[in-house]
């Protein structure tokens, strides 16, 4: 697995580095580091100023990458194959271009600043990657550097009844075999309630029946996976997505696998509403797969 870690001059880079190292230890492969500096606009005149400014930005980027390399090699004991300095006006677009040019398998980023501990805050870089990127995007929540167990121990697939989820399950099976990981197929059931009411009108008996049927459906989907993969189905009920996620017992070594919206362009990442909520509420790292992978 060729792993591209997006590097920035802040503490969130250490979270991304921890996740990139965990992916490397689990699946093997190569680690690439990249920093995207803000390229200047093509205004006429003052060319010598632009050249000097660009040189400064490139030198600064090299220092940022050097610090990140030291972190991953000394703290994580993981080798770095390549460092890439790239200029673009949009950091997310630039990182996506580097990923395509270097033919990487996954992009890893840290949260935007200001996020809550154990959660991922979507900033401009993540937003750009999650709305048009061409490679899977893995996101490390705030503080992951302190909770990361070293390598992954389970893949959790958030299930929706769609063709995109079926494709994601097939990709997850490949990941599971490569890393010798168990798989959980997870479905979140939200108890919708009529406007103005405090409680759902659905009876507990009807809800229990639905959960049993949903569990059976998930187990049927899991039966199509290769026999050498340990797998289980799990259905969690909550008042909303955040509440349902909180009700589950998460392990620090889990990776949540999410799918792009069915409205996304083929081979592109695009978040739907439910996936966006899961990215923001998940207490473990998540990865969003491009549509049709």
C-alpha atoms as a PDB file:
ATOM      1  CA  UNK A   1       0.000   0.000   0.000  1.00  0.00           C
ATOM      2  CA  UNK A   2       1.396   3.390  -1.028  1.00  0.00           C
ATOM      3  CA  UNK A   3       0.409   5.799   1.737  1.00  0.00           C
ATOM      4  CA  UNK A   4       0.543   9.569   1.219  1.00  0.00           C
ATOM      5  CA  UNK A   5       0.482  11.619   4.428  1.00  0.00           C
ATOM      6  CA  UNK A   6      -0.460  15.278   4.115  1.00  0.00           C
ATOM      7  CA  UNK A   7       1.860  17.286   6.356  1.00  0.00           C
ATOM      8  CA  UNK A   8       1.200  20.683   7.958  1.00  0.00           C
ATOM      9  CA  UNK A   9       3.157  22.709  10.556  1.00  0.00           C
ATOM     10  CA  UNK A  10       0.872  21.883  13.489  1.00  0.00           C
ATOM     11  CA  UNK A  11       0.206  19.159  16.049  1.00  0.00           C
ATOM     12  CA  UNK A  12      -2.486  17.559  13.888  1.00  0.00           C
ATOM     13  CA  UNK A  13       0.286  16.255  11.632  1.00  0.00           C
ATOM     14  CA  UNK A  14       1.335  13.921  14.467  1.00  0.00           C
ATOM     15  CA  UNK A  15      -2.174  12.419  14.405  1.00  0.00           C
ATOM     16  CA  UNK A  16      -1.940  11.876  10.642  1.00  0.00           C
ATOM     17  CA  UNK A  17       1.547  10.399  11.047  1.00  0.00           C
ATOM     18  CA  UNK A  18       0.275   7.985  13.718  1.00  0.00           C
ATOM     19  CA  UNK A  19      -2.519   6.794  11.417  1.00  0.00           C
ATOM     20  CA  UNK A  20      -0.187   6.518   8.430  1.00  0.00           C
ATOM     21  CA  UNK A  21       2.230   4.456  10.525  1.00  0.00           C
ATOM     22  CA  UNK A  22      -0.624   2.201  11.708  1.00  0.00           C
ATOM     23  CA  UNK A  23      -1.666   1.607   8.096  1.00  0.00           C
ATOM     24  CA  UNK A  24       1.940   0.823   7.181  1.00  0.00           C
ATOM     25  CA  UNK A  25       2.354  -1.675  10.028  1.00  0.00           C
ATOM     26  CA  UNK A  26      -0.951  -3.341   9.180  1.00  0.00           C
ATOM     27  CA  UNK A  27      -0.679  -3.536   5.391  1.00  0.00           C
ATOM     28  CA  UNK A  28       2.976  -2.873   4.595  1.00  0.00           C
ATOM     29  CA  UNK A  29       3.997  -0.764   1.607  1.00  0.00           C
ATOM     30  CA  UNK A  30       5.552   2.692   1.420  1.00  0.00           C
ATOM     31  CA  UNK A  31       5.157   6.025   3.203  1.00  0.00           C
ATOM     32  CA  UNK A  32       5.238   9.271   1.229  1.00  0.00           C
ATOM     33  CA  UNK A  33       5.077  12.703   2.866  1.00  0.00           C
ATOM     34  CA  UNK A  34       3.820  15.827   1.128  1.00  0.00           C
ATOM     35  CA  UNK A  35       3.388  19.459   2.088  1.00  0.00           C
ATOM     36  CA  UNK A  36       1.335  21.735  -0.143  1.00  0.00           C
ATOM     37  CA  UNK A  37       2.473  25.351   0.010  1.00  0.00           C
ATOM     38  CA  UNK A  38       0.292  28.220  -1.202  1.00  0.00           C
ATOM     39  CA  UNK A  39       1.346  28.925  -4.793  1.00  0.00           C
ATOM     40  CA  UNK A  40       1.127  32.549  -5.931  1.00  0.00           C
ATOM     41  CA  UNK A  41      -1.408  33.777  -8.467  1.00  0.00           C
ATOM     42  CA  UNK A  42      -0.179  34.513 -11.981  1.00  0.00           C
ATOM     43  CA  UNK A  43      -0.362  38.298 -11.723  1.00  0.00           C
ATOM     44  CA  UNK A  44       1.680  40.250 -14.308  1.00  0.00           C
ATOM     45  CA  UNK A  45       4.821  42.018 -13.140  1.00  0.00           C
ATOM     46  CA  UNK A  46       6.912  41.739  -9.961  1.00  0.00           C
ATOM     47  CA  UNK A  47       8.230  38.386 -11.192  1.00  0.00           C
ATOM     48  CA  UNK A  48      11.411  38.622  -9.108  1.00  0.00           C
ATOM     49  CA  UNK A  49       9.338  39.011  -5.955  1.00  0.00           C
ATOM     50  CA  UNK A  50       7.276  35.930  -6.802  1.00  0.00           C
ATOM     51  CA  UNK A  51      10.429  33.889  -7.432  1.00  0.00           C
ATOM     52  CA  UNK A  52      11.941  34.883  -4.087  1.00  0.00           C
ATOM     53  CA  UNK A  53       8.668  34.252  -2.258  1.00  0.00           C
ATOM     54  CA  UNK A  54       8.241  30.860  -3.908  1.00  0.00           C
ATOM     55  CA  UNK A  55      11.805  29.944  -2.961  1.00  0.00           C
ATOM     56  CA  UNK A  56      11.073  30.864   0.653  1.00  0.00           C
ATOM     57  CA  UNK A  57       7.874  28.775   0.655  1.00  0.00           C
ATOM     58  CA  UNK A  58       9.675  25.783  -0.846  1.00  0.00           C
ATOM     59  CA  UNK A  59      12.468  25.981   1.730  1.00  0.00           C
ATOM     60  CA  UNK A  60       9.903  26.291   4.521  1.00  0.00           C
ATOM     61  CA  UNK A  61       8.035  23.270   3.126  1.00  0.00           C
ATOM     62  CA  UNK A  62      11.243  21.243   3.156  1.00  0.00           C
ATOM     63  CA  UNK A  63      11.750  22.079   6.845  1.00  0.00           C
ATOM     64  CA  UNK A  64       8.164  21.055   7.620  1.00  0.00           C
ATOM     65  CA  UNK A  65       8.676  17.755   5.809  1.00  0.00           C
ATOM     66  CA  UNK A  66      11.994  17.196   7.580  1.00  0.00           C
ATOM     67  CA  UNK A  67      10.288  17.590  10.965  1.00  0.00           C
ATOM     68  CA  UNK A  68       7.517  15.192   9.927  1.00  0.00           C
ATOM     69  CA  UNK A  69      10.046  12.662   8.684  1.00  0.00           C
ATOM     70  CA  UNK A  70      11.893  12.840  11.994  1.00  0.00           C
ATOM     71  CA  UNK A  71       8.613  12.273  13.839  1.00  0.00           C
ATOM     72  CA  UNK A  72       7.576   9.222  11.845  1.00  0.00           C
ATOM     73  CA  UNK A  73      11.019   7.624  11.721  1.00  0.00           C
ATOM     74  CA  UNK A  74      12.035   8.264  15.336  1.00  0.00           C
ATOM     75  CA  UNK A  75       8.701   8.148  17.182  1.00  0.00           C
ATOM     76  CA  UNK A  76       6.930   5.589  14.996  1.00  0.00           C
ATOM     77  CA  UNK A  77      10.007   3.682  13.744  1.00  0.00           C
ATOM     78  CA  UNK A  78       8.600   3.673  10.211  1.00  0.00           C
ATOM     79  CA  UNK A  79      10.715   4.516   7.125  1.00  0.00           C
ATOM     80  CA  UNK A  80       9.797   7.267   4.667  1.00  0.00           C
ATOM     81  CA  UNK A  81      10.229   6.549   0.965  1.00  0.00           C
ATOM     82  CA  UNK A  82       9.773  10.032  -0.479  1.00  0.00           C
ATOM     83  CA  UNK A  83       9.086  13.664   0.421  1.00  0.00           C
ATOM     84  CA  UNK A  84       7.134  15.838  -2.021  1.00  0.00           C
ATOM     85  CA  UNK A  85       6.942  19.631  -2.012  1.00  0.00           C
ATOM     86  CA  UNK A  86       4.105  20.898  -4.210  1.00  0.00           C
ATOM     87  CA  UNK A  87       2.651  24.336  -4.763  1.00  0.00           C
ATOM     88  CA  UNK A  88      -1.070  24.917  -5.264  1.00  0.00           C
ATOM     89  CA  UNK A  89      -3.561  27.587  -4.243  1.00  0.00           C
ATOM     90  CA  UNK A  90      -5.779  24.903  -2.651  1.00  0.00           C
ATOM     91  CA  UNK A  91      -4.094  22.461  -0.270  1.00  0.00           C
ATOM     92  CA  UNK A  92      -6.679  19.705  -0.780  1.00  0.00           C
ATOM     93  CA  UNK A  93      -6.584  19.944  -4.569  1.00  0.00           C
ATOM     94  CA  UNK A  94      -2.791  19.998  -4.490  1.00  0.00           C
ATOM     95  CA  UNK A  95      -2.654  16.910  -2.278  1.00  0.00           C
ATOM     96  CA  UNK A  96      -5.089  15.134  -4.599  1.00  0.00           C
ATOM     97  CA  UNK A  97      -2.888  15.961  -7.598  1.00  0.00           C
ATOM     98  CA  UNK A  98       0.201  14.611  -5.823  1.00  0.00           C
ATOM     99  CA  UNK A  99      -1.719  11.423  -4.974  1.00  0.00           C
ATOM    100  CA  UNK A 100      -2.582  10.857  -8.636  1.00  0.00           C
ATOM    101  CA  UNK A 101       0.912  11.707  -9.879  1.00  0.00           C
ATOM    102  CA  UNK A 102       2.532   9.337  -7.380  1.00  0.00           C
ATOM    103  CA  UNK A 103      -0.156   6.666  -7.866  1.00  0.00           C
ATOM    104  CA  UNK A 104      -0.783   6.260  -4.141  1.00  0.00           C
ATOM    105  CA  UNK A 105      -3.453   3.991  -2.689  1.00  0.00           C
ATOM    106  CA  UNK A 106      -4.619   6.227   0.149  1.00  0.00           C
ATOM    107  CA  UNK A 107      -4.290   9.800   1.427  1.00  0.00           C
ATOM    108  CA  UNK A 108      -3.972  10.387   5.178  1.00  0.00           C
ATOM    109  CA  UNK A 109      -4.748  13.721   6.824  1.00  0.00           C
ATOM    110  CA  UNK A 110      -5.197  15.089  10.324  1.00  0.00           C
ATOM    111  CA  UNK A 111      -8.116  17.095  11.620  1.00  0.00           C
ATOM    112  CA  UNK A 112      -8.482  20.839  11.235  1.00  0.00           C
ATOM    113  CA  UNK A 113      -7.503  22.868  14.277  1.00  0.00           C
ATOM    114  CA  UNK A 114     -10.166  23.543  16.872  1.00  0.00           C
ATOM    115  CA  UNK A 115     -11.716  20.080  16.798  1.00  0.00           C
ATOM    116  CA  UNK A 116     -12.900  18.252  19.903  1.00  0.00           C
ATOM    117  CA  UNK A 117     -10.679  15.565  21.420  1.00  0.00           C
ATOM    118  CA  UNK A 118     -11.267  12.230  19.695  1.00  0.00           C
ATOM    119  CA  UNK A 119     -13.251  13.760  16.834  1.00  0.00           C
ATOM    120  CA  UNK A 120     -12.447  14.863  13.285  1.00  0.00           C
ATOM    121  CA  UNK A 121     -13.086  18.470  12.301  1.00  0.00           C
ATOM    122  CA  UNK A 122     -13.580  18.961   8.555  1.00  0.00           C
ATOM    123  CA  UNK A 123     -11.477  21.912   7.384  1.00  0.00           C
ATOM    124  CA  UNK A 124     -10.793  23.256   3.903  1.00  0.00           C
ATOM    125  CA  UNK A 125      -8.231  20.576   2.998  1.00  0.00           C
ATOM    126  CA  UNK A 126     -10.510  17.716   4.027  1.00  0.00           C
ATOM    127  CA  UNK A 127     -13.500  19.378   2.366  1.00  0.00           C
ATOM    128  CA  UNK A 128     -11.668  19.561  -0.960  1.00  0.00           C
ATOM    129  CA  UNK A 129     -10.482  15.954  -0.744  1.00  0.00           C
ATOM    130  CA  UNK A 130     -13.933  14.722   0.299  1.00  0.00           C
ATOM    131  CA  UNK A 131     -15.684  16.479  -2.570  1.00  0.00           C
ATOM    132  CA  UNK A 132     -13.912  15.376  -5.724  1.00  0.00           C
ATOM    133  CA  UNK A 133     -10.758  13.528  -4.642  1.00  0.00           C
ATOM    134  CA  UNK A 134      -9.671  10.487  -6.651  1.00  0.00           C
ATOM    135  CA  UNK A 135      -8.135   8.400  -3.866  1.00  0.00           C
ATOM    136  CA  UNK A 136      -9.471   7.017  -0.563  1.00  0.00           C
ATOM    137  CA  UNK A 137      -9.126   9.604   2.204  1.00  0.00           C
ATOM    138  CA  UNK A 138      -8.217   8.431   5.717  1.00  0.00           C
ATOM    139  CA  UNK A 139      -8.790  10.902   8.559  1.00  0.00           C
ATOM    140  CA  UNK A 140      -7.175  10.854  11.992  1.00  0.00           C
ATOM    141  CA  UNK A 141      -9.251  12.380  14.819  1.00  0.00           C
ATOM    142  CA  UNK A 142      -7.835  14.922  17.251  1.00  0.00           C
ATOM    143  CA  UNK A 143      -5.437  13.243  19.695  1.00  0.00           C
ATOM    144  CA  UNK A 144      -5.103   9.992  17.736  1.00  0.00           C
ATOM    145  CA  UNK A 145      -1.347  10.087  18.337  1.00  0.00           C
ATOM    146  CA  UNK A 146      -2.048   9.317  22.009  1.00  0.00           C
ATOM    147  CA  UNK A 147      -4.698   6.615  21.482  1.00  0.00           C
ATOM    148  CA  UNK A 148      -3.241   4.774  18.465  1.00  0.00           C
ATOM    149  CA  UNK A 149      -2.385   1.174  19.456  1.00  0.00           C
ATOM    150  CA  UNK A 150       0.320   0.881  16.794  1.00  0.00           C
ATOM    151  CA  UNK A 151      -1.629  -0.994  14.150  1.00  0.00           C
ATOM    152  CA  UNK A 152      -5.226  -1.627  13.167  1.00  0.00           C
ATOM    153  CA  UNK A 153      -7.162  -4.518  14.702  1.00  0.00           C
ATOM    154  CA  UNK A 154     -10.582  -4.311  12.983  1.00  0.00           C
ATOM    155  CA  UNK A 155     -12.380  -2.831   9.969  1.00  0.00           C
ATOM    156  CA  UNK A 156     -15.891  -1.488  10.580  1.00  0.00           C
ATOM    157  CA  UNK A 157     -18.005  -0.903   7.472  1.00  0.00           C
ATOM    158  CA  UNK A 158     -20.905   1.534   7.823  1.00  0.00           C
ATOM    159  CA  UNK A 159     -23.680  -0.136   5.851  1.00  0.00           C
ATOM    160  CA  UNK A 160     -26.402   1.409   3.724  1.00  0.00           C
ATOM    161  CA  UNK A 161     -28.417  -0.571   1.191  1.00  0.00           C
ATOM    162  CA  UNK A 162     -26.728   0.704  -1.961  1.00  0.00           C
ATOM    163  CA  UNK A 163     -24.512  -0.464  -4.790  1.00  0.00           C
ATOM    164  CA  UNK A 164     -21.757   1.766  -3.412  1.00  0.00           C
ATOM    165  CA  UNK A 165     -21.810  -0.089  -0.086  1.00  0.00           C
ATOM    166  CA  UNK A 166     -21.610  -3.437  -1.841  1.00  0.00           C
ATOM    167  CA  UNK A 167     -18.505  -2.229  -3.670  1.00  0.00           C
ATOM    168  CA  UNK A 168     -17.063  -0.942  -0.396  1.00  0.00           C
ATOM    169  CA  UNK A 169     -17.601  -4.315   1.246  1.00  0.00           C
ATOM    170  CA  UNK A 170     -15.627  -5.994  -1.542  1.00  0.00           C
ATOM    171  CA  UNK A 171     -12.778  -3.499  -1.102  1.00  0.00           C
ATOM    172  CA  UNK A 172     -12.893  -4.040   2.658  1.00  0.00           C
ATOM    173  CA  UNK A 173     -12.578  -7.788   2.126  1.00  0.00           C
ATOM    174  CA  UNK A 174      -9.340  -7.157   0.214  1.00  0.00           C
ATOM    175  CA  UNK A 175      -8.079  -4.932   3.042  1.00  0.00           C
ATOM    176  CA  UNK A 176      -9.066  -7.550   5.623  1.00  0.00           C
ATOM    177  CA  UNK A 177      -7.168 -10.312   3.852  1.00  0.00           C
ATOM    178  CA  UNK A 178      -4.102  -8.113   3.325  1.00  0.00           C
ATOM    179  CA  UNK A 179      -3.968  -7.128   6.994  1.00  0.00           C
ATOM    180  CA  UNK A 180      -5.461 -10.311   8.495  1.00  0.00           C
ATOM    181  CA  UNK A 181      -8.215  -8.227  10.095  1.00  0.00           C
ATOM    182  CA  UNK A 182     -11.754  -9.082  11.224  1.00  0.00           C
ATOM    183  CA  UNK A 183     -14.676  -7.148   9.731  1.00  0.00           C
ATOM    184  CA  UNK A 184     -17.777  -5.701  11.369  1.00  0.00           C
ATOM    185  CA  UNK A 185     -20.676  -4.720   9.133  1.00  0.00           C
ATOM    186  CA  UNK A 186     -22.406  -1.935  11.041  1.00  0.00           C
ATOM    187  CA  UNK A 187     -25.872  -0.508  10.473  1.00  0.00           C
ATOM    188  CA  UNK A 188     -27.140   2.485  12.424  1.00  0.00           C
ATOM    189  CA  UNK A 189     -30.900   2.667  12.900  1.00  0.00           C
ATOM    190  CA  UNK A 190     -32.226   6.130  13.701  1.00  0.00           C
ATOM    191  CA  UNK A 191     -35.604   6.285  15.423  1.00  0.00           C
ATOM    192  CA  UNK A 192     -37.333   9.060  13.532  1.00  0.00           C
ATOM    193  CA  UNK A 193     -40.036  10.879  15.429  1.00  0.00           C
ATOM    194  CA  UNK A 194     -42.808  13.102  14.084  1.00  0.00           C
ATOM    195  CA  UNK A 195     -42.217  16.836  14.314  1.00  0.00           C
ATOM    196  CA  UNK A 196     -43.215  18.179  17.723  1.00  0.00           C
ATOM    197  CA  UNK A 197     -43.121  14.805  19.494  1.00  0.00           C
ATOM    198  CA  UNK A 198     -40.536  13.855  22.093  1.00  0.00           C
ATOM    199  CA  UNK A 199     -40.590  10.155  21.321  1.00  0.00           C
ATOM    200  CA  UNK A 200     -40.865   7.943  18.268  1.00  0.00           C
ATOM    201  CA  UNK A 201     -44.257   6.364  17.614  1.00  0.00           C
ATOM    202  CA  UNK A 202     -42.579   3.045  16.713  1.00  0.00           C
ATOM    203  CA  UNK A 203     -43.253   0.365  19.329  1.00  0.00           C
ATOM    204  CA  UNK A 204     -40.380  -1.529  20.931  1.00  0.00           C
ATOM    205  CA  UNK A 205     -41.730  -4.781  19.491  1.00  0.00           C
ATOM    206  CA  UNK A 206     -41.731  -3.382  15.964  1.00  0.00           C
ATOM    207  CA  UNK A 207     -38.236  -1.979  16.489  1.00  0.00           C
ATOM    208  CA  UNK A 208     -36.917  -5.319  17.770  1.00  0.00           C
ATOM    209  CA  UNK A 209     -38.384  -7.069  14.729  1.00  0.00           C
ATOM    210  CA  UNK A 210     -36.770  -4.561  12.385  1.00  0.00           C
ATOM    211  CA  UNK A 211     -33.374  -4.914  14.083  1.00  0.00           C
ATOM    212  CA  UNK A 212     -33.567  -8.722  13.831  1.00  0.00           C
ATOM    213  CA  UNK A 213     -34.416  -8.514  10.126  1.00  0.00           C
ATOM    214  CA  UNK A 214     -31.650  -5.979   9.529  1.00  0.00           C
ATOM    215  CA  UNK A 215     -29.130  -8.182  11.324  1.00  0.00           C
ATOM    216  CA  UNK A 216     -30.133 -11.146   9.160  1.00  0.00           C
ATOM    217  CA  UNK A 217     -29.677  -9.013   6.025  1.00  0.00           C
ATOM    218  CA  UNK A 218     -26.195  -7.977   7.146  1.00  0.00           C
ATOM    219  CA  UNK A 219     -25.222 -11.562   7.909  1.00  0.00           C
ATOM    220  CA  UNK A 220     -26.370 -12.570   4.432  1.00  0.00           C
ATOM    221  CA  UNK A 221     -24.104  -9.890   2.931  1.00  0.00           C
ATOM    222  CA  UNK A 222     -21.192 -11.058   5.073  1.00  0.00           C
ATOM    223  CA  UNK A 223     -21.678 -14.642   3.915  1.00  0.00           C
ATOM    224  CA  UNK A 224     -20.446 -13.555   0.477  1.00  0.00           C
ATOM    225  CA  UNK A 225     -17.029 -12.642   1.883  1.00  0.00           C
ATOM    226  CA  UNK A 226     -14.124 -15.122   1.674  1.00  0.00           C
ATOM    227  CA  UNK A 227     -14.234 -17.829   4.353  1.00  0.00           C
ATOM    228  CA  UNK A 228     -10.866 -16.877   5.846  1.00  0.00           C
ATOM    229  CA  UNK A 229     -12.191 -13.495   7.037  1.00  0.00           C
ATOM    230  CA  UNK A 230     -13.638 -13.302  10.541  1.00  0.00           C
ATOM    231  CA  UNK A 231     -16.817 -11.257  10.354  1.00  0.00           C
ATOM    232  CA  UNK A 232     -19.820 -10.104  12.364  1.00  0.00           C
ATOM    233  CA  UNK A 233     -22.958  -8.007  11.925  1.00  0.00           C
ATOM    234  CA  UNK A 234     -23.961  -5.253  14.308  1.00  0.00           C
ATOM    235  CA  UNK A 235     -27.063  -3.050  14.430  1.00  0.00           C
ATOM    236  CA  UNK A 236     -27.123  -0.017  16.729  1.00  0.00           C
ATOM    237  CA  UNK A 237     -30.292   1.979  17.439  1.00  0.00           C
ATOM    238  CA  UNK A 238     -30.213   5.649  18.404  1.00  0.00           C
ATOM    239  CA  UNK A 239     -32.237   8.848  18.435  1.00  0.00           C
ATOM    240  CA  UNK A 240     -29.860  10.278  15.827  1.00  0.00           C
ATOM    241  CA  UNK A 241     -26.533   9.421  14.183  1.00  0.00           C
ATOM    242  CA  UNK A 242     -24.442  10.940  16.986  1.00  0.00           C
ATOM    243  CA  UNK A 243     -26.437   9.096  19.652  1.00  0.00           C
ATOM    244  CA  UNK A 244     -26.196   5.779  17.775  1.00  0.00           C
ATOM    245  CA  UNK A 245     -22.423   6.140  17.346  1.00  0.00           C
ATOM    246  CA  UNK A 246     -22.036   6.873  21.061  1.00  0.00           C
ATOM    247  CA  UNK A 247     -23.977   3.730  21.969  1.00  0.00           C
ATOM    248  CA  UNK A 248     -21.388   1.488  20.318  1.00  0.00           C
ATOM    249  CA  UNK A 249     -18.291   0.246  22.145  1.00  0.00           C
ATOM    250  CA  UNK A 250     -15.383   1.336  19.916  1.00  0.00           C
ATOM    251  CA  UNK A 251     -11.813   0.043  20.024  1.00  0.00           C
ATOM    252  CA  UNK A 252      -8.871   2.393  19.413  1.00  0.00           C
ATOM    253  CA  UNK A 253      -7.531  -0.003  16.769  1.00  0.00           C
ATOM    254  CA  UNK A 254     -10.631   0.128  14.570  1.00  0.00           C
ATOM    255  CA  UNK A 255     -10.921   1.864  11.205  1.00  0.00           C
ATOM    256  CA  UNK A 256     -14.363   2.986  10.039  1.00  0.00           C
ATOM    257  CA  UNK A 257     -14.891   2.403   6.309  1.00  0.00           C
ATOM    258  CA  UNK A 258     -17.339   4.782   4.618  1.00  0.00           C
ATOM    259  CA  UNK A 259     -18.693   5.079   1.091  1.00  0.00           C
ATOM    260  CA  UNK A 260     -19.173   8.042  -1.188  1.00  0.00           C
ATOM    261  CA  UNK A 261     -22.607   9.240  -2.191  1.00  0.00           C
ATOM    262  CA  UNK A 262     -24.321   7.564  -5.128  1.00  0.00           C
ATOM    263  CA  UNK A 263     -24.442  11.028  -6.738  1.00  0.00           C
ATOM    264  CA  UNK A 264     -20.635  11.211  -6.885  1.00  0.00           C
ATOM    265  CA  UNK A 265     -18.777  10.958 -10.162  1.00  0.00           C
ATOM    266  CA  UNK A 266     -17.321   7.509 -10.787  1.00  0.00           C
ATOM    267  CA  UNK A 267     -13.957   6.996  -9.040  1.00  0.00           C
ATOM    268  CA  UNK A 268     -14.431  10.206  -7.070  1.00  0.00           C
ATOM    269  CA  UNK A 269     -15.013  10.881  -3.392  1.00  0.00           C
ATOM    270  CA  UNK A 270     -18.165  12.770  -2.474  1.00  0.00           C
ATOM    271  CA  UNK A 271     -19.772  12.845   0.959  1.00  0.00           C
ATOM    272  CA  UNK A 272     -23.476  12.366   1.441  1.00  0.00           C
ATOM    273  CA  UNK A 273     -25.269  13.744   4.489  1.00  0.00           C
ATOM    274  CA  UNK A 274     -25.131  10.534   6.548  1.00  0.00           C
ATOM    275  CA  UNK A 275     -21.458   9.916   5.749  1.00  0.00           C
ATOM    276  CA  UNK A 276     -20.568  13.490   6.675  1.00  0.00           C
ATOM    277  CA  UNK A 277     -22.207  13.028  10.072  1.00  0.00           C
ATOM    278  CA  UNK A 278     -20.283   9.790  10.627  1.00  0.00           C
ATOM    279  CA  UNK A 279     -16.967  11.444   9.738  1.00  0.00           C
ATOM    280  CA  UNK A 280     -17.593  14.131  12.353  1.00  0.00           C
ATOM    281  CA  UNK A 281     -18.903  11.859  15.115  1.00  0.00           C
ATOM    282  CA  UNK A 282     -16.659   8.799  14.763  1.00  0.00           C
ATOM    283  CA  UNK A 283     -14.276   8.373  17.741  1.00  0.00           C
ATOM    284  CA  UNK A 284     -11.909   6.301  15.576  1.00  0.00           C
ATOM    285  CA  UNK A 285     -10.184   7.054  12.260  1.00  0.00           C
ATOM    286  CA  UNK A 286     -12.366   6.799   9.187  1.00  0.00           C
ATOM    287  CA  UNK A 287     -11.642   6.296   5.502  1.00  0.00           C
ATOM    288  CA  UNK A 288     -13.951   7.387   2.693  1.00  0.00           C
ATOM    289  CA  UNK A 289     -13.749   5.368  -0.518  1.00  0.00           C
ATOM    290  CA  UNK A 290     -14.333   6.860  -3.968  1.00  0.00           C
ATOM    291  CA  UNK A 291     -17.557   5.795  -5.664  1.00  0.00           C
ATOM    292  CA  UNK A 292     -17.170   2.612  -7.686  1.00  0.00           C
ATOM    293  CA  UNK A 293     -13.907   1.430  -6.100  1.00  0.00           C
END
